[in-house]
Amino acid sequence: MKTKEKYNLTRSQEMYAEYLMQGYSQRKAYILAYPEAKDMKPSTVDLLAYKLFHNSNLKKRYDELCEMRTEENIKKAIWTREMALGELKSILENNKKEYYRYEEAYIDEITMYDKQINERTELIEHPKTYLSKKKKAEIEREIDELKMAKIKCNRRWQSNKSVNEAILQSVVQMNSMLGFNEKEEKKVEVQAQVVFQNNIPENDE
């Protein structure tokens, strides 16, 4: 059974109920549903709109439309939350892969700098042949450059850690959005990890 037949409404009455549900005032909704009313006095339109709104069948239809809209908004809100959580899972998973990639590159680079610094330090402290002052100064300069490069490497790693911390904070915010309370030890389940390495050299060697 069609809705307007179910409530015994005319097409204009159905439109009036729909316009009201969309948020129009009674006067505007009435004029939209009954275009001829635009030539009437505002007071006349208001009276007709008021009487029509209190028609029992139309009121039932209006209440039904509002309920349907509420249910639709709830479904949209749930879908939006699911989409947001799915996006967060994807971000976390990608972040985990990037983290391990950066971690491996970081370890390789730091290991290389340490090796080269140690080799040059050994040349100065235990030279196998005569080491001129000029050559010694040259090696010391190379050691300083390697130490500086190591510091820059550490800074890049710290920056990467900050990104991880920001993403972890997004998890906390998502927990809050979804109604989870940290004090109750409830967390959003994600199929990814945010991993942090604690034993990272500081800005020195």
N, C-alpha and C. Protein backbone atom coordinates (compact mmCIF):
# COMPACT_ATOMS: atom_id res chain seq x y z
N MET A 1 0.84 -1.19 0.00
CA MET A 1 0.00 0.00 0.00
C MET A 1 0.89 1.25 0.00
N LYS A 2 0.55 2.19 -0.89
CA LYS A 2 1.31 3.42 -0.94
C LYS A 2 1.07 4.24 0.32
N THR A 3 2.08 5.02 0.70
CA THR A 3 2.00 5.77 1.95
C THR A 3 0.82 6.71 1.98
N LYS A 4 0.66 7.48 0.91
CA LYS A 4 -0.43 8.46 0.93
C LYS A 4 -1.80 7.79 0.98
N GLU A 5 -1.90 6.58 0.44
CA GLU A 5 -3.16 5.84 0.52
C GLU A 5 -3.34 5.27 1.93
N LYS A 6 -2.23 4.86 2.55
CA LYS A 6 -2.26 4.33 3.91
C LYS A 6 -2.81 5.37 4.88
N TYR A 7 -2.43 6.61 4.69
CA TYR A 7 -2.89 7.67 5.58
C TYR A 7 -4.01 8.51 4.96
N ASN A 8 -4.44 8.09 3.79
CA ASN A 8 -5.52 8.80 3.09
C ASN A 8 -5.15 10.27 2.87
N LEU A 9 -3.94 10.47 2.34
CA LEU A 9 -3.46 11.83 2.10
C LEU A 9 -3.44 12.14 0.61
N THR A 10 -3.63 13.41 0.29
CA THR A 10 -3.48 13.84 -1.10
C THR A 10 -1.99 14.02 -1.36
N ARG A 11 -1.64 14.19 -2.63
CA ARG A 11 -0.23 14.40 -2.98
C ARG A 11 0.31 15.67 -2.31
N SER A 12 -0.50 16.72 -2.28
CA SER A 12 -0.05 17.98 -1.66
C SER A 12 0.14 17.82 -0.16
N GLN A 13 -0.75 17.06 0.48
CA GLN A 13 -0.61 16.83 1.91
C GLN A 13 0.67 16.04 2.22
N GLU A 14 0.94 15.03 1.38
CA GLU A 14 2.16 14.25 1.55
C GLU A 14 3.39 15.15 1.39
N MET A 15 3.36 16.02 0.40
CA MET A 15 4.48 16.93 0.18
C MET A 15 4.64 17.88 1.37
N TYR A 16 3.53 18.34 1.91
CA TYR A 16 3.57 19.23 3.07
C TYR A 16 4.26 18.56 4.25
N ALA A 17 3.90 17.32 4.50
CA ALA A 17 4.52 16.56 5.59
C ALA A 17 6.03 16.38 5.34
N GLU A 18 6.39 16.11 4.10
CA GLU A 18 7.81 15.90 3.78
C GLU A 18 8.61 17.19 3.92
N TYR A 19 8.03 18.30 3.49
CA TYR A 19 8.74 19.58 3.62
C TYR A 19 8.91 19.96 5.10
N LEU A 20 7.91 19.67 5.91
CA LEU A 20 8.03 19.94 7.34
C LEU A 20 9.17 19.11 7.95
N MET A 21 9.22 17.84 7.55
CA MET A 21 10.26 16.95 8.06
C MET A 21 11.65 17.45 7.67
N GLN A 22 11.74 18.11 6.50
CA GLN A 22 13.02 18.62 6.02
C GLN A 22 13.45 19.89 6.76
N GLY A 23 12.55 20.43 7.59
CA GLY A 23 12.92 21.58 8.40
C GLY A 23 12.30 22.91 7.99
N TYR A 24 11.45 22.90 6.99
CA TYR A 24 10.78 24.14 6.58
C TYR A 24 9.73 24.53 7.62
N SER A 25 9.47 25.84 7.71
CA SER A 25 8.41 26.31 8.59
C SER A 25 7.07 25.87 8.03
N GLN A 26 6.03 25.94 8.86
CA GLN A 26 4.70 25.52 8.38
C GLN A 26 4.27 26.38 7.19
N ARG A 27 4.52 27.68 7.26
CA ARG A 27 4.12 28.57 6.17
C ARG A 27 4.85 28.23 4.88
N LYS A 28 6.21 28.06 4.95
CA LYS A 28 6.99 27.77 3.76
C LYS A 28 6.63 26.40 3.19
N ALA A 29 6.46 25.42 4.08
CA ALA A 29 6.11 24.07 3.64
C ALA A 29 4.75 24.07 2.93
N TYR A 30 3.82 24.85 3.45
CA TYR A 30 2.48 24.90 2.85
C TYR A 30 2.54 25.52 1.46
N ILE A 31 3.30 26.62 1.32
CA ILE A 31 3.41 27.28 0.02
C ILE A 31 4.09 26.38 -1.00
N LEU A 32 5.09 25.61 -0.55
CA LEU A 32 5.77 24.67 -1.46
C LEU A 32 4.84 23.54 -1.89
N ALA A 33 4.02 23.10 -0.97
CA ALA A 33 3.09 22.00 -1.29
C ALA A 33 1.87 22.50 -2.06
N TYR A 34 1.47 23.75 -1.80
CA TYR A 34 0.31 24.35 -2.47
C TYR A 34 0.77 25.66 -3.11
N PRO A 35 1.36 25.62 -4.29
CA PRO A 35 1.92 26.82 -4.93
C PRO A 35 0.94 27.98 -5.04
N GLU A 36 -0.37 27.70 -5.15
CA GLU A 36 -1.34 28.77 -5.28
C GLU A 36 -1.41 29.62 -4.01
N ALA A 37 -0.88 29.08 -2.90
CA ALA A 37 -0.95 29.79 -1.63
C ALA A 37 0.01 30.98 -1.58
N LYS A 38 0.93 31.06 -2.52
CA LYS A 38 1.90 32.16 -2.50
C LYS A 38 1.23 33.51 -2.75
N ASP A 39 0.00 33.48 -3.32
CA ASP A 39 -0.72 34.72 -3.58
C ASP A 39 -1.64 35.09 -2.43
N MET A 40 -1.71 34.26 -1.41
CA MET A 40 -2.58 34.51 -0.25
C MET A 40 -1.87 35.40 0.77
N LYS A 41 -2.66 35.95 1.68
CA LYS A 41 -2.09 36.73 2.78
C LYS A 41 -1.32 35.78 3.70
N PRO A 42 -0.21 36.23 4.26
CA PRO A 42 0.56 35.39 5.18
C PRO A 42 -0.28 34.83 6.32
N SER A 43 -1.19 35.67 6.86
CA SER A 43 -2.03 35.22 7.97
C SER A 43 -2.95 34.08 7.53
N THR A 44 -3.41 34.15 6.28
CA THR A 44 -4.28 33.09 5.76
C THR A 44 -3.49 31.80 5.58
N VAL A 45 -2.30 31.93 5.03
CA VAL A 45 -1.44 30.75 4.83
C VAL A 45 -1.12 30.11 6.18
N ASP A 46 -0.81 30.95 7.17
CA ASP A 46 -0.47 30.42 8.50
C ASP A 46 -1.63 29.64 9.10
N LEU A 47 -2.83 30.14 8.91
CA LEU A 47 -4.01 29.47 9.46
C LEU A 47 -4.24 28.12 8.77
N LEU A 48 -4.15 28.13 7.44
CA LEU A 48 -4.34 26.88 6.68
C LEU A 48 -3.25 25.85 7.03
N ALA A 49 -2.02 26.33 7.15
CA ALA A 49 -0.91 25.44 7.47
C ALA A 49 -1.08 24.85 8.87
N TYR A 50 -1.55 25.69 9.80
CA TYR A 50 -1.76 25.24 11.17
C TYR A 50 -2.84 24.16 11.22
N LYS A 51 -3.95 24.41 10.54
CA LYS A 51 -5.05 23.44 10.54
C LYS A 51 -4.62 22.12 9.90
N LEU A 52 -3.86 22.23 8.80
CA LEU A 52 -3.44 21.01 8.10
C LEU A 52 -2.46 20.22 8.97
N PHE A 53 -1.60 20.91 9.66
CA PHE A 53 -0.62 20.23 10.50
C PHE A 53 -1.31 19.42 11.60
N HIS A 54 -2.45 19.89 12.06
CA HIS A 54 -3.16 19.20 13.13
C HIS A 54 -4.19 18.19 12.60
N ASN A 55 -4.13 17.95 11.29
CA ASN A 55 -4.91 16.85 10.73
C ASN A 55 -4.31 15.55 11.28
N SER A 56 -5.10 14.70 11.87
CA SER A 56 -4.58 13.52 12.57
C SER A 56 -3.76 12.61 11.65
N ASN A 57 -4.26 12.37 10.43
CA ASN A 57 -3.53 11.49 9.51
C ASN A 57 -2.21 12.12 9.06
N LEU A 58 -2.27 13.41 8.78
CA LEU A 58 -1.04 14.07 8.36
C LEU A 58 -0.02 14.09 9.49
N LYS A 59 -0.50 14.30 10.72
CA LYS A 59 0.39 14.31 11.88
C LYS A 59 1.07 12.95 12.05
N LYS A 60 0.31 11.88 11.83
CA LYS A 60 0.88 10.53 11.93
C LYS A 60 1.97 10.33 10.88
N ARG A 61 1.67 10.81 9.66
CA ARG A 61 2.63 10.68 8.58
C ARG A 61 3.88 11.49 8.87
N TYR A 62 3.70 12.69 9.40
CA TYR A 62 4.84 13.54 9.75
C TYR A 62 5.70 12.86 10.81
N ASP A 63 5.06 12.31 11.84
CA ASP A 63 5.81 11.60 12.89
C ASP A 63 6.55 10.41 12.32
N GLU A 64 5.93 9.71 11.37
CA GLU A 64 6.57 8.55 10.74
C GLU A 64 7.80 8.98 9.96
N LEU A 65 7.69 10.08 9.22
CA LEU A 65 8.82 10.59 8.44
C LEU A 65 9.98 10.98 9.34
N CYS A 66 9.65 11.63 10.46
CA CYS A 66 10.70 12.04 11.40
C CYS A 66 11.39 10.83 12.00
N GLU A 67 10.62 9.79 12.30
CA GLU A 67 11.21 8.57 12.86
C GLU A 67 12.12 7.89 11.83
N MET A 68 11.66 7.86 10.58
CA MET A 68 12.46 7.27 9.52
C MET A 68 13.77 8.04 9.35
N ARG A 69 13.68 9.36 9.43
CA ARG A 69 14.88 10.16 9.26
C ARG A 69 15.85 9.93 10.42
N THR A 70 15.32 9.79 11.63
CA THR A 70 16.17 9.52 12.78
C THR A 70 16.90 8.19 12.61
N GLU A 71 16.17 7.16 12.18
CA GLU A 71 16.78 5.85 11.96
C GLU A 71 17.85 5.93 10.87
N GLU A 72 17.56 6.70 9.82
CA GLU A 72 18.53 6.85 8.73
C GLU A 72 19.79 7.55 9.21
N ASN A 73 19.62 8.58 10.04
CA ASN A 73 20.78 9.30 10.58
C ASN A 73 21.63 8.40 11.49
N ILE A 74 20.95 7.54 12.24
CA ILE A 74 21.67 6.61 13.12
C ILE A 74 22.50 5.65 12.28
N LYS A 75 21.88 5.13 11.20
CA LYS A 75 22.60 4.21 10.32
C LYS A 75 23.80 4.90 9.68
N LYS A 76 23.61 6.15 9.27
CA LYS A 76 24.71 6.89 8.66
C LYS A 76 25.82 7.10 9.67
N ALA A 77 25.45 7.40 10.93
CA ALA A 77 26.46 7.62 11.97
C ALA A 77 27.25 6.35 12.22
N ILE A 78 26.56 5.20 12.26
CA ILE A 78 27.24 3.93 12.47
C ILE A 78 28.16 3.63 11.30
N TRP A 79 27.69 3.87 10.08
CA TRP A 79 28.51 3.62 8.89
C TRP A 79 29.74 4.52 8.89
N THR A 80 29.52 5.77 9.29
CA THR A 80 30.64 6.71 9.33
C THR A 80 31.68 6.25 10.34
N ARG A 81 31.24 5.76 11.50
CA ARG A 81 32.18 5.27 12.50
C ARG A 81 32.94 4.06 11.98
N GLU A 82 32.21 3.16 11.30
CA GLU A 82 32.87 1.97 10.75
C GLU A 82 33.90 2.36 9.70
N MET A 83 33.54 3.33 8.86
CA MET A 83 34.48 3.79 7.84
C MET A 83 35.72 4.42 8.49
N ALA A 84 35.49 5.24 9.52
CA ALA A 84 36.60 5.89 10.21
C ALA A 84 37.52 4.87 10.85
N LEU A 85 36.93 3.85 11.47
CA LEU A 85 37.73 2.82 12.12
C LEU A 85 38.50 2.01 11.09
N GLY A 86 37.84 1.73 9.96
CA GLY A 86 38.53 1.00 8.90
C GLY A 86 39.70 1.79 8.35
N GLU A 87 39.50 3.10 8.20
CA GLU A 87 40.58 3.96 7.71
C GLU A 87 41.74 3.98 8.71
N LEU A 88 41.38 4.03 10.00
CA LEU A 88 42.41 4.04 11.03
C LEU A 88 43.21 2.74 11.01
N LYS A 89 42.53 1.63 10.85
CA LYS A 89 43.23 0.34 10.78
C LYS A 89 44.22 0.33 9.62
N SER A 90 43.77 0.88 8.48
CA SER A 90 44.64 0.93 7.31
C SER A 90 45.87 1.80 7.58
N ILE A 91 45.65 2.95 8.21
CA ILE A 91 46.76 3.85 8.52
C ILE A 91 47.75 3.18 9.46
N LEU A 92 47.22 2.48 10.47
CA LEU A 92 48.10 1.82 11.43
C LEU A 92 48.91 0.70 10.77
N GLU A 93 48.26 -0.05 9.90
CA GLU A 93 48.96 -1.14 9.23
C GLU A 93 50.07 -0.61 8.34
N ASN A 94 49.77 0.45 7.59
CA ASN A 94 50.79 1.05 6.74
C ASN A 94 51.92 1.65 7.58
N ASN A 95 51.53 2.25 8.72
CA ASN A 95 52.53 2.84 9.59
C ASN A 95 53.46 1.77 10.15
N LYS A 96 52.91 0.60 10.49
CA LYS A 96 53.73 -0.48 11.02
C LYS A 96 54.78 -0.90 9.99
N LYS A 97 54.37 -1.02 8.74
CA LYS A 97 55.31 -1.41 7.68
C LYS A 97 56.39 -0.35 7.50
N GLU A 98 55.97 0.92 7.51
CA GLU A 98 56.93 2.00 7.35
C GLU A 98 57.89 2.06 8.54
N TYR A 99 57.34 1.81 9.73
CA TYR A 99 58.18 1.85 10.92
C TYR A 99 59.31 0.83 10.81
N TYR A 100 58.98 -0.41 10.46
CA TYR A 100 60.00 -1.46 10.36
C TYR A 100 61.01 -1.14 9.26
N ARG A 101 60.53 -0.53 8.17
CA ARG A 101 61.43 -0.17 7.08
C ARG A 101 62.42 0.90 7.55
N TYR A 102 61.89 1.92 8.25
CA TYR A 102 62.76 2.97 8.78
C TYR A 102 63.71 2.43 9.84
N GLU A 103 63.21 1.53 10.67
CA GLU A 103 64.03 0.97 11.74
C GLU A 103 65.23 0.22 11.16
N GLU A 104 64.97 -0.58 10.14
CA GLU A 104 66.05 -1.35 9.51
C GLU A 104 67.08 -0.42 8.87
N ALA A 105 66.57 0.60 8.17
CA ALA A 105 67.48 1.55 7.52
C ALA A 105 68.27 2.34 8.56
N TYR A 106 67.60 2.69 9.66
CA TYR A 106 68.26 3.44 10.74
C TYR A 106 69.40 2.62 11.35
N ILE A 107 69.13 1.37 11.67
CA ILE A 107 70.15 0.50 12.28
C ILE A 107 71.34 0.33 11.34
N ASP A 108 71.05 0.11 10.06
CA ASP A 108 72.13 -0.06 9.07
C ASP A 108 72.99 1.20 8.98
N GLU A 109 72.34 2.35 8.96
CA GLU A 109 73.07 3.61 8.81
C GLU A 109 73.91 3.91 10.05
N ILE A 110 73.33 3.72 11.24
CA ILE A 110 74.07 3.96 12.48
C ILE A 110 75.25 3.01 12.60
N THR A 111 75.03 1.75 12.23
CA THR A 111 76.11 0.76 12.27
C THR A 111 77.26 1.16 11.36
N MET A 112 76.92 1.66 10.18
CA MET A 112 77.93 2.10 9.23
C MET A 112 78.74 3.27 9.79
N TYR A 113 78.03 4.27 10.38
CA TYR A 113 78.74 5.42 10.95
C TYR A 113 79.65 4.99 12.10
N ASP A 114 79.16 4.12 12.97
CA ASP A 114 79.98 3.65 14.10
C ASP A 114 81.24 2.94 13.61
N LYS A 115 81.06 2.12 12.59
CA LYS A 115 82.20 1.38 12.04
C LYS A 115 83.26 2.32 11.49
N GLN A 116 82.79 3.31 10.72
CA GLN A 116 83.74 4.24 10.10
C GLN A 116 84.41 5.14 11.15
N ILE A 117 83.66 5.52 12.17
CA ILE A 117 84.25 6.34 13.24
C ILE A 117 85.30 5.54 14.00
N ASN A 118 84.96 4.30 14.30
CA ASN A 118 85.91 3.44 15.03
C ASN A 118 87.18 3.18 14.21
N GLU A 119 87.00 2.95 12.92
CA GLU A 119 88.16 2.70 12.06
C GLU A 119 89.09 3.90 12.04
N ARG A 120 88.54 5.09 11.92
CA ARG A 120 89.37 6.30 11.85
C ARG A 120 89.98 6.62 13.22
N THR A 121 89.23 6.35 14.28
CA THR A 121 89.78 6.57 15.62
C THR A 121 90.96 5.64 15.87
N GLU A 122 90.84 4.41 15.38
CA GLU A 122 91.92 3.43 15.51
C GLU A 122 93.16 3.88 14.75
N LEU A 123 92.97 4.48 13.61
CA LEU A 123 94.10 4.98 12.82
C LEU A 123 94.88 6.05 13.57
N ILE A 124 94.14 6.89 14.33
CA ILE A 124 94.80 7.96 15.08
C ILE A 124 95.47 7.42 16.34
N GLU A 125 94.76 6.56 17.07
CA GLU A 125 95.28 6.08 18.35
C GLU A 125 96.35 5.00 18.19
N HIS A 126 96.21 4.21 17.15
CA HIS A 126 97.20 3.15 16.93
C HIS A 126 97.61 3.11 15.45
N PRO A 127 98.30 4.13 15.01
CA PRO A 127 98.72 4.18 13.59
C PRO A 127 99.73 3.07 13.28
N LYS A 128 99.55 2.44 12.13
CA LYS A 128 100.46 1.37 11.73
C LYS A 128 101.71 1.94 11.04
N THR A 129 101.56 3.15 10.54
CA THR A 129 102.71 3.85 9.92
C THR A 129 102.74 5.27 10.44
N TYR A 130 103.76 6.00 10.06
CA TYR A 130 103.88 7.38 10.51
C TYR A 130 102.66 8.20 10.06
N LEU A 131 102.13 8.99 10.99
CA LEU A 131 100.94 9.79 10.71
C LEU A 131 101.30 11.27 10.86
N SER A 132 101.31 11.97 9.75
CA SER A 132 101.66 13.39 9.80
C SER A 132 100.52 14.18 10.46
N LYS A 133 100.88 15.40 10.91
CA LYS A 133 99.85 16.25 11.53
C LYS A 133 98.73 16.57 10.55
N LYS A 134 99.12 16.77 9.31
CA LYS A 134 98.12 17.08 8.28
C LYS A 134 97.15 15.92 8.09
N LYS A 135 97.72 14.70 8.01
CA LYS A 135 96.89 13.52 7.82
C LYS A 135 96.00 13.28 9.04
N LYS A 136 96.58 13.50 10.23
CA LYS A 136 95.80 13.32 11.45
C LYS A 136 94.62 14.29 11.50
N ALA A 137 94.89 15.54 11.12
CA ALA A 137 93.83 16.57 11.11
C ALA A 137 92.74 16.20 10.11
N GLU A 138 93.17 15.64 8.98
CA GLU A 138 92.21 15.22 7.95
C GLU A 138 91.30 14.11 8.48
N ILE A 139 91.90 13.13 9.18
CA ILE A 139 91.11 12.03 9.73
C ILE A 139 90.17 12.54 10.84
N GLU A 140 90.65 13.45 11.66
CA GLU A 140 89.81 14.00 12.72
C GLU A 140 88.61 14.75 12.14
N ARG A 141 88.87 15.45 11.02
CA ARG A 141 87.78 16.16 10.34
C ARG A 141 86.74 15.17 9.81
N GLU A 142 87.21 14.04 9.27
CA GLU A 142 86.30 13.01 8.78
C GLU A 142 85.47 12.42 9.93
N ILE A 143 86.12 12.24 11.09
CA ILE A 143 85.39 11.72 12.25
C ILE A 143 84.29 12.69 12.68
N ASP A 144 84.62 13.99 12.69
CA ASP A 144 83.62 15.00 13.06
C ASP A 144 82.43 14.99 12.08
N GLU A 145 82.74 14.84 10.80
CA GLU A 145 81.68 14.81 9.78
C GLU A 145 80.80 13.57 9.96
N LEU A 146 81.43 12.44 10.29
CA LEU A 146 80.67 11.21 10.52
C LEU A 146 79.79 11.33 11.76
N LYS A 147 80.32 11.97 12.80
CA LYS A 147 79.52 12.16 14.02
C LYS A 147 78.32 13.06 13.74
N MET A 148 78.55 14.11 12.94
CA MET A 148 77.45 15.01 12.59
C MET A 148 76.39 14.29 11.76
N ALA A 149 76.84 13.43 10.84
CA ALA A 149 75.91 12.65 10.02
C ALA A 149 75.09 11.70 10.91
N LYS A 150 75.74 11.15 11.93
CA LYS A 150 75.05 10.25 12.87
C LYS A 150 73.99 11.01 13.67
N ILE A 151 74.33 12.23 14.07
CA ILE A 151 73.37 13.06 14.80
C ILE A 151 72.13 13.34 13.93
N LYS A 152 72.36 13.66 12.66
CA LYS A 152 71.25 13.93 11.74
C LYS A 152 70.38 12.68 11.57
N CYS A 153 71.06 11.54 11.52
CA CYS A 153 70.33 10.27 11.39
C CYS A 153 69.43 10.06 12.62
N ASN A 154 69.97 10.36 13.79
CA ASN A 154 69.20 10.24 15.03
C ASN A 154 68.00 11.18 15.03
N ARG A 155 68.22 12.38 14.49
CA ARG A 155 67.11 13.35 14.45
C ARG A 155 65.99 12.88 13.53
N ARG A 156 66.38 12.28 12.40
CA ARG A 156 65.35 11.74 11.50
C ARG A 156 64.57 10.64 12.20
N TRP A 157 65.28 9.84 12.98
CA TRP A 157 64.62 8.75 13.69
C TRP A 157 63.66 9.30 14.75
N GLN A 158 64.09 10.34 15.45
CA GLN A 158 63.23 10.97 16.45
C GLN A 158 61.97 11.53 15.79
N SER A 159 62.15 12.09 14.59
CA SER A 159 61.00 12.62 13.85
C SER A 159 60.03 11.49 13.50
N ASN A 160 60.58 10.35 13.11
CA ASN A 160 59.75 9.20 12.79
C ASN A 160 59.00 8.72 14.03
N LYS A 161 59.66 8.78 15.18
CA LYS A 161 59.01 8.41 16.43
C LYS A 161 57.83 9.34 16.72
N SER A 162 58.01 10.63 16.42
CA SER A 162 56.94 11.60 16.67
C SER A 162 55.71 11.28 15.84
N VAL A 163 55.93 10.84 14.60
CA VAL A 163 54.81 10.45 13.74
C VAL A 163 54.08 9.27 14.36
N ASN A 164 54.84 8.30 14.86
CA ASN A 164 54.23 7.15 15.50
C ASN A 164 53.41 7.56 16.72
N GLU A 165 53.93 8.50 17.49
CA GLU A 165 53.23 8.95 18.67
C GLU A 165 51.94 9.67 18.29
N ALA A 166 51.98 10.42 17.19
CA ALA A 166 50.78 11.12 16.72
C ALA A 166 49.71 10.11 16.31
N ILE A 167 50.14 9.05 15.64
CA ILE A 167 49.19 8.03 15.22
C ILE A 167 48.62 7.30 16.43
N LEU A 168 49.47 7.04 17.41
CA LEU A 168 48.99 6.40 18.63
C LEU A 168 47.95 7.28 19.31
N GLN A 169 48.17 8.59 19.29
CA GLN A 169 47.21 9.51 19.87
C GLN A 169 45.88 9.45 19.13
N SER A 170 45.95 9.22 17.82
CA SER A 170 44.71 9.10 17.05
C SER A 170 43.91 7.89 17.49
N VAL A 171 44.60 6.84 17.93
CA VAL A 171 43.91 5.65 18.44
C VAL A 171 43.16 6.02 19.72
N VAL A 172 43.82 6.79 20.59
CA VAL A 172 43.19 7.22 21.83
C VAL A 172 41.94 8.04 21.53
N GLN A 173 42.05 8.95 20.55
CA GLN A 173 40.91 9.79 20.19
C GLN A 173 39.79 8.95 19.60
N MET A 174 40.16 7.97 18.79
CA MET A 174 39.13 7.10 18.21
C MET A 174 38.44 6.30 19.31
N ASN A 175 39.20 5.83 20.29
CA ASN A 175 38.59 5.13 21.43
C ASN A 175 37.55 6.02 22.09
N SER A 176 37.92 7.29 22.26
CA SER A 176 37.01 8.23 22.91
C SER A 176 35.76 8.46 22.07
N MET A 177 35.94 8.61 20.75
CA MET A 177 34.82 8.83 19.84
C MET A 177 33.84 7.67 19.87
N LEU A 178 34.38 6.46 20.02
CA LEU A 178 33.54 5.26 19.99
C LEU A 178 33.04 4.89 21.37
N GLY A 179 33.33 5.72 22.37
CA GLY A 179 32.77 5.48 23.69
C GLY A 179 33.56 4.56 24.57
N PHE A 180 34.83 4.30 24.22
CA PHE A 180 35.65 3.44 25.05
C PHE A 180 36.36 4.29 26.10
N ASN A 181 36.48 3.73 27.28
CA ASN A 181 37.09 4.45 28.39
C ASN A 181 38.38 3.76 28.78
N GLU A 182 39.48 4.51 28.79
CA GLU A 182 40.78 3.91 29.13
C GLU A 182 40.77 3.37 30.55
N LYS A 183 40.04 4.03 31.46
CA LYS A 183 40.02 3.58 32.84
C LYS A 183 39.37 2.21 32.97
N GLU A 184 38.49 1.89 32.03
CA GLU A 184 37.85 0.59 32.05
C GLU A 184 38.67 -0.43 31.27
N GLU A 185 39.84 0.03 30.78
CA GLU A 185 40.78 -0.82 30.05
C GLU A 185 40.12 -1.44 28.82
N LYS A 186 39.32 -0.64 28.13
CA LYS A 186 38.71 -1.11 26.89
C LYS A 186 39.36 -0.36 25.74
N LYS A 187 39.67 -1.07 24.71
CA LYS A 187 40.35 -0.45 23.57
C LYS A 187 39.72 -0.92 22.28
N VAL A 188 39.81 -0.06 21.26
CA VAL A 188 39.38 -0.46 19.93
C VAL A 188 40.33 -1.52 19.42
N GLU A 189 39.81 -2.60 18.89
CA GLU A 189 40.66 -3.65 18.37
C GLU A 189 41.14 -3.29 16.98
N VAL A 190 42.44 -3.28 16.80
CA VAL A 190 43.00 -3.00 15.49
C VAL A 190 43.98 -4.09 15.12
N GLN A 191 43.97 -4.48 13.86
CA GLN A 191 44.86 -5.53 13.39
C GLN A 191 46.18 -4.94 12.96
N ALA A 192 46.78 -4.15 13.85
CA ALA A 192 48.08 -3.55 13.57
C ALA A 192 48.70 -3.15 14.89
N GLN A 193 49.96 -2.79 14.85
CA GLN A 193 50.66 -2.40 16.06
C GLN A 193 51.37 -1.09 15.82
N VAL A 194 51.48 -0.30 16.87
CA VAL A 194 52.34 0.88 16.84
C VAL A 194 53.49 0.55 17.77
N VAL A 195 54.67 0.35 17.22
CA VAL A 195 55.82 -0.12 17.99
C VAL A 195 56.79 1.02 18.19
N PHE A 196 57.38 1.10 19.38
CA PHE A 196 58.35 2.14 19.66
C PHE A 196 59.64 1.52 20.17
N GLN A 197 60.75 2.04 19.72
CA GLN A 197 62.04 1.54 20.17
C GLN A 197 62.57 2.52 21.20
N ASN A 198 62.84 2.03 22.41
CA ASN A 198 63.24 2.92 23.49
C ASN A 198 64.75 3.19 23.51
N ASN A 199 65.56 2.17 23.26
CA ASN A 199 67.01 2.32 23.35
C ASN A 199 67.60 2.91 22.09
N ILE A 200 67.33 4.19 21.91
CA ILE A 200 67.84 4.88 20.71
C ILE A 200 68.87 5.90 21.16
N PRO A 201 70.03 5.92 20.52
CA PRO A 201 71.06 6.88 20.90
C PRO A 201 70.52 8.31 20.84
N GLU A 202 70.98 9.12 21.75
CA GLU A 202 70.54 10.52 21.73
C GLU A 202 71.31 11.27 20.67
N ASN A 203 71.39 12.58 20.80
CA ASN A 203 72.00 13.39 19.76
C ASN A 203 73.52 13.37 19.77
N ASP A 204 74.07 12.48 20.59
CA ASP A 204 75.52 12.34 20.58
C ASP A 204 75.89 11.05 19.89
N GLU A 205 77.11 10.68 19.99
CA GLU A 205 77.57 9.49 19.30
C GLU A 205 77.06 8.25 19.98
